[in-house]
């Protein structure tokens, strides 16, 4: 999947979760990605985060420690 598409998807979830208190939004975003994103998508997300997270909303970056990082391919 393209990085642009993953950024868009992660940011859409973040925008929804930003309506909640911060800690609840972080947990909700991480939970959604953990439950519904396959390891390949999460691996690509972490590649972007590790490269500085350009384009990702702050809530995505805040949730990263709670998102399960898949093993390297």
N, C-alpha and C. Protein backbone atom coordinates (compact mmCIF):
# COMPACT_ATOMS: atom_id res chain seq x y z
N UNK A 1 0.86 -1.18 0.00
CA UNK A 1 0.00 0.00 0.00
C UNK A 1 0.90 1.23 0.00
N UNK A 2 0.46 2.27 -0.68
CA UNK A 2 1.29 3.47 -0.75
C UNK A 2 1.34 4.18 0.61
N UNK A 3 2.45 4.87 0.82
CA UNK A 3 2.59 5.62 2.08
C UNK A 3 1.51 6.69 2.19
N UNK A 4 1.18 7.34 1.07
CA UNK A 4 0.15 8.37 1.10
C UNK A 4 -1.19 7.81 1.56
N UNK A 5 -1.54 6.62 1.10
CA UNK A 5 -2.81 5.99 1.49
C UNK A 5 -2.80 5.65 2.99
N UNK A 6 -1.68 5.12 3.48
CA UNK A 6 -1.58 4.80 4.91
C UNK A 6 -1.66 6.06 5.77
N UNK A 7 -1.01 7.12 5.33
CA UNK A 7 -1.07 8.39 6.07
C UNK A 7 -2.51 8.87 6.13
N UNK A 8 -3.20 8.83 4.99
CA UNK A 8 -4.59 9.25 4.95
C UNK A 8 -5.45 8.42 5.90
N UNK A 9 -5.27 7.10 5.86
CA UNK A 9 -6.07 6.22 6.72
C UNK A 9 -5.79 6.48 8.21
N UNK A 10 -4.51 6.57 8.56
CA UNK A 10 -4.15 6.81 9.97
C UNK A 10 -4.69 8.17 10.43
N UNK A 11 -4.58 9.18 9.58
CA UNK A 11 -5.05 10.51 9.95
C UNK A 11 -6.57 10.58 10.06
N UNK A 12 -7.29 9.80 9.25
CA UNK A 12 -8.76 9.76 9.37
C UNK A 12 -9.16 9.19 10.73
N UNK A 13 -8.49 8.14 11.14
CA UNK A 13 -8.78 7.56 12.47
C UNK A 13 -8.44 8.59 13.54
N UNK A 14 -7.30 9.25 13.40
CA UNK A 14 -6.87 10.25 14.38
C UNK A 14 -7.88 11.38 14.48
N UNK A 15 -8.36 11.88 13.34
CA UNK A 15 -9.33 12.99 13.37
C UNK A 15 -10.57 12.59 14.16
N UNK A 16 -11.04 11.36 13.97
CA UNK A 16 -12.20 10.90 14.73
C UNK A 16 -11.86 10.84 16.23
N UNK A 17 -10.72 10.28 16.56
CA UNK A 17 -10.34 10.07 17.96
C UNK A 17 -10.00 11.38 18.67
N UNK A 18 -9.68 12.43 17.91
CA UNK A 18 -9.36 13.73 18.53
C UNK A 18 -10.57 14.36 19.21
N UNK A 19 -11.77 13.84 18.95
CA UNK A 19 -12.97 14.36 19.62
C UNK A 19 -13.09 13.83 21.04
N UNK A 20 -12.25 12.89 21.40
CA UNK A 20 -12.27 12.27 22.74
C UNK A 20 -11.16 12.88 23.59
N UNK A 21 -11.21 12.68 24.91
CA UNK A 21 -10.06 13.09 25.73
C UNK A 21 -8.78 12.44 25.19
N UNK A 22 -7.66 13.13 25.33
CA UNK A 22 -6.42 12.71 24.69
C UNK A 22 -6.07 11.24 24.96
N UNK A 23 -6.05 10.84 26.22
CA UNK A 23 -5.66 9.46 26.54
C UNK A 23 -6.61 8.44 25.94
N UNK A 24 -7.89 8.76 25.93
CA UNK A 24 -8.88 7.87 25.33
C UNK A 24 -8.69 7.82 23.81
N UNK A 25 -8.38 8.95 23.21
CA UNK A 25 -8.13 8.98 21.77
C UNK A 25 -6.90 8.19 21.38
N UNK A 26 -5.83 8.30 22.16
CA UNK A 26 -4.61 7.54 21.92
C UNK A 26 -4.91 6.05 21.98
N UNK A 27 -5.59 5.63 23.05
CA UNK A 27 -5.90 4.21 23.22
C UNK A 27 -6.83 3.72 22.10
N UNK A 28 -7.80 4.54 21.73
CA UNK A 28 -8.73 4.15 20.68
C UNK A 28 -8.05 4.01 19.33
N UNK A 29 -7.17 4.94 19.01
CA UNK A 29 -6.45 4.88 17.74
C UNK A 29 -5.55 3.66 17.71
N UNK A 30 -4.79 3.44 18.76
CA UNK A 30 -3.90 2.28 18.81
C UNK A 30 -4.71 0.99 18.74
N UNK A 31 -5.80 0.93 19.46
CA UNK A 31 -6.63 -0.27 19.45
C UNK A 31 -7.20 -0.56 18.07
N UNK A 32 -7.65 0.47 17.39
CA UNK A 32 -8.20 0.28 16.05
C UNK A 32 -7.13 -0.26 15.09
N UNK A 33 -5.97 0.35 15.11
CA UNK A 33 -4.89 -0.11 14.22
C UNK A 33 -4.46 -1.53 14.60
N UNK A 34 -4.34 -1.82 15.89
CA UNK A 34 -3.96 -3.17 16.31
C UNK A 34 -5.00 -4.20 15.88
N UNK A 35 -6.26 -3.85 15.95
CA UNK A 35 -7.34 -4.80 15.64
C UNK A 35 -7.57 -4.99 14.15
N UNK A 36 -7.38 -3.94 13.35
CA UNK A 36 -7.84 -3.99 11.97
C UNK A 36 -6.75 -3.87 10.90
N UNK A 37 -5.56 -3.44 11.27
CA UNK A 37 -4.50 -3.32 10.29
C UNK A 37 -3.64 -4.58 10.32
N UNK A 38 -3.38 -5.13 9.15
CA UNK A 38 -2.53 -6.31 9.07
C UNK A 38 -1.08 -5.92 9.37
N UNK A 39 -0.25 -6.90 9.73
CA UNK A 39 1.14 -6.59 10.09
C UNK A 39 1.89 -5.80 9.02
N UNK A 40 1.65 -6.10 7.75
CA UNK A 40 2.35 -5.38 6.68
C UNK A 40 2.04 -3.89 6.73
N UNK A 41 0.78 -3.54 7.00
CA UNK A 41 0.39 -2.13 7.09
C UNK A 41 1.03 -1.47 8.30
N UNK A 42 1.03 -2.18 9.44
CA UNK A 42 1.65 -1.62 10.65
C UNK A 42 3.15 -1.46 10.46
N UNK A 43 3.78 -2.40 9.75
CA UNK A 43 5.21 -2.31 9.48
C UNK A 43 5.51 -1.05 8.66
N UNK A 44 4.69 -0.79 7.63
CA UNK A 44 4.87 0.42 6.82
C UNK A 44 4.63 1.68 7.65
N UNK A 45 3.64 1.64 8.53
CA UNK A 45 3.38 2.79 9.40
C UNK A 45 4.61 3.09 10.25
N UNK A 46 5.20 2.05 10.84
CA UNK A 46 6.38 2.27 11.68
C UNK A 46 7.58 2.73 10.86
N UNK A 47 7.68 2.32 9.60
CA UNK A 47 8.76 2.83 8.75
C UNK A 47 8.62 4.35 8.62
N UNK A 48 7.39 4.81 8.44
CA UNK A 48 7.15 6.26 8.31
C UNK A 48 7.40 6.97 9.64
N UNK A 49 6.95 6.39 10.74
CA UNK A 49 7.16 7.00 12.05
C UNK A 49 8.65 7.07 12.35
N UNK A 50 9.37 5.98 12.09
CA UNK A 50 10.82 5.95 12.35
C UNK A 50 11.58 6.95 11.50
N UNK A 51 11.01 7.30 10.34
CA UNK A 51 11.64 8.28 9.45
C UNK A 51 11.24 9.71 9.80
N UNK A 52 10.51 9.89 10.89
CA UNK A 52 10.14 11.24 11.34
C UNK A 52 8.66 11.52 11.37
N UNK A 53 7.86 10.65 10.75
CA UNK A 53 6.41 10.79 10.83
C UNK A 53 5.82 11.92 10.02
N UNK A 54 6.50 12.35 8.96
CA UNK A 54 6.00 13.46 8.15
C UNK A 54 4.60 13.15 7.63
N UNK A 55 3.70 14.11 7.82
CA UNK A 55 2.33 13.99 7.33
C UNK A 55 1.37 13.35 8.30
N UNK A 56 1.87 12.73 9.34
CA UNK A 56 0.99 12.07 10.32
C UNK A 56 0.56 13.06 11.40
N UNK A 57 -0.69 12.97 11.80
CA UNK A 57 -1.20 13.82 12.87
C UNK A 57 -0.51 13.44 14.18
N UNK A 58 -0.44 14.40 15.09
CA UNK A 58 0.25 14.17 16.36
C UNK A 58 -0.34 13.00 17.13
N UNK A 59 -1.64 12.80 17.06
CA UNK A 59 -2.26 11.71 17.80
C UNK A 59 -1.75 10.35 17.33
N UNK A 60 -1.46 10.22 16.04
CA UNK A 60 -0.88 8.97 15.52
C UNK A 60 0.48 8.75 16.16
N UNK A 61 1.29 9.79 16.22
CA UNK A 61 2.62 9.68 16.83
C UNK A 61 2.51 9.37 18.31
N UNK A 62 1.54 9.99 19.00
CA UNK A 62 1.36 9.74 20.43
C UNK A 62 0.91 8.30 20.69
N UNK A 63 0.16 7.72 19.74
CA UNK A 63 -0.35 6.36 19.91
C UNK A 63 0.67 5.29 19.54
N UNK A 64 1.72 5.66 18.83
CA UNK A 64 2.68 4.68 18.32
C UNK A 64 3.21 3.71 19.38
N UNK A 65 3.53 4.16 20.60
CA UNK A 65 4.03 3.20 21.59
C UNK A 65 3.02 2.11 21.96
N UNK A 66 1.73 2.37 21.73
CA UNK A 66 0.71 1.38 22.05
C UNK A 66 0.32 0.50 20.86
N UNK A 67 0.86 0.80 19.69
CA UNK A 67 0.59 0.01 18.49
C UNK A 67 1.60 -1.13 18.44
N UNK A 68 1.10 -2.33 18.17
CA UNK A 68 2.00 -3.50 18.10
C UNK A 68 2.90 -3.38 16.87
N UNK A 69 4.20 -3.40 17.13
CA UNK A 69 5.18 -3.31 16.05
C UNK A 69 5.46 -4.74 15.56
N UNK A 70 5.16 -5.00 14.27
CA UNK A 70 5.42 -6.34 13.74
C UNK A 70 6.91 -6.61 13.58
N UNK A 71 7.25 -7.88 13.56
CA UNK A 71 8.64 -8.25 13.32
C UNK A 71 9.03 -7.84 11.92
N UNK A 72 10.32 -7.60 11.73
CA UNK A 72 10.80 -7.21 10.41
C UNK A 72 10.51 -8.31 9.40
N UNK A 73 10.24 -7.87 8.18
CA UNK A 73 9.90 -8.84 7.12
C UNK A 73 11.10 -9.64 6.70
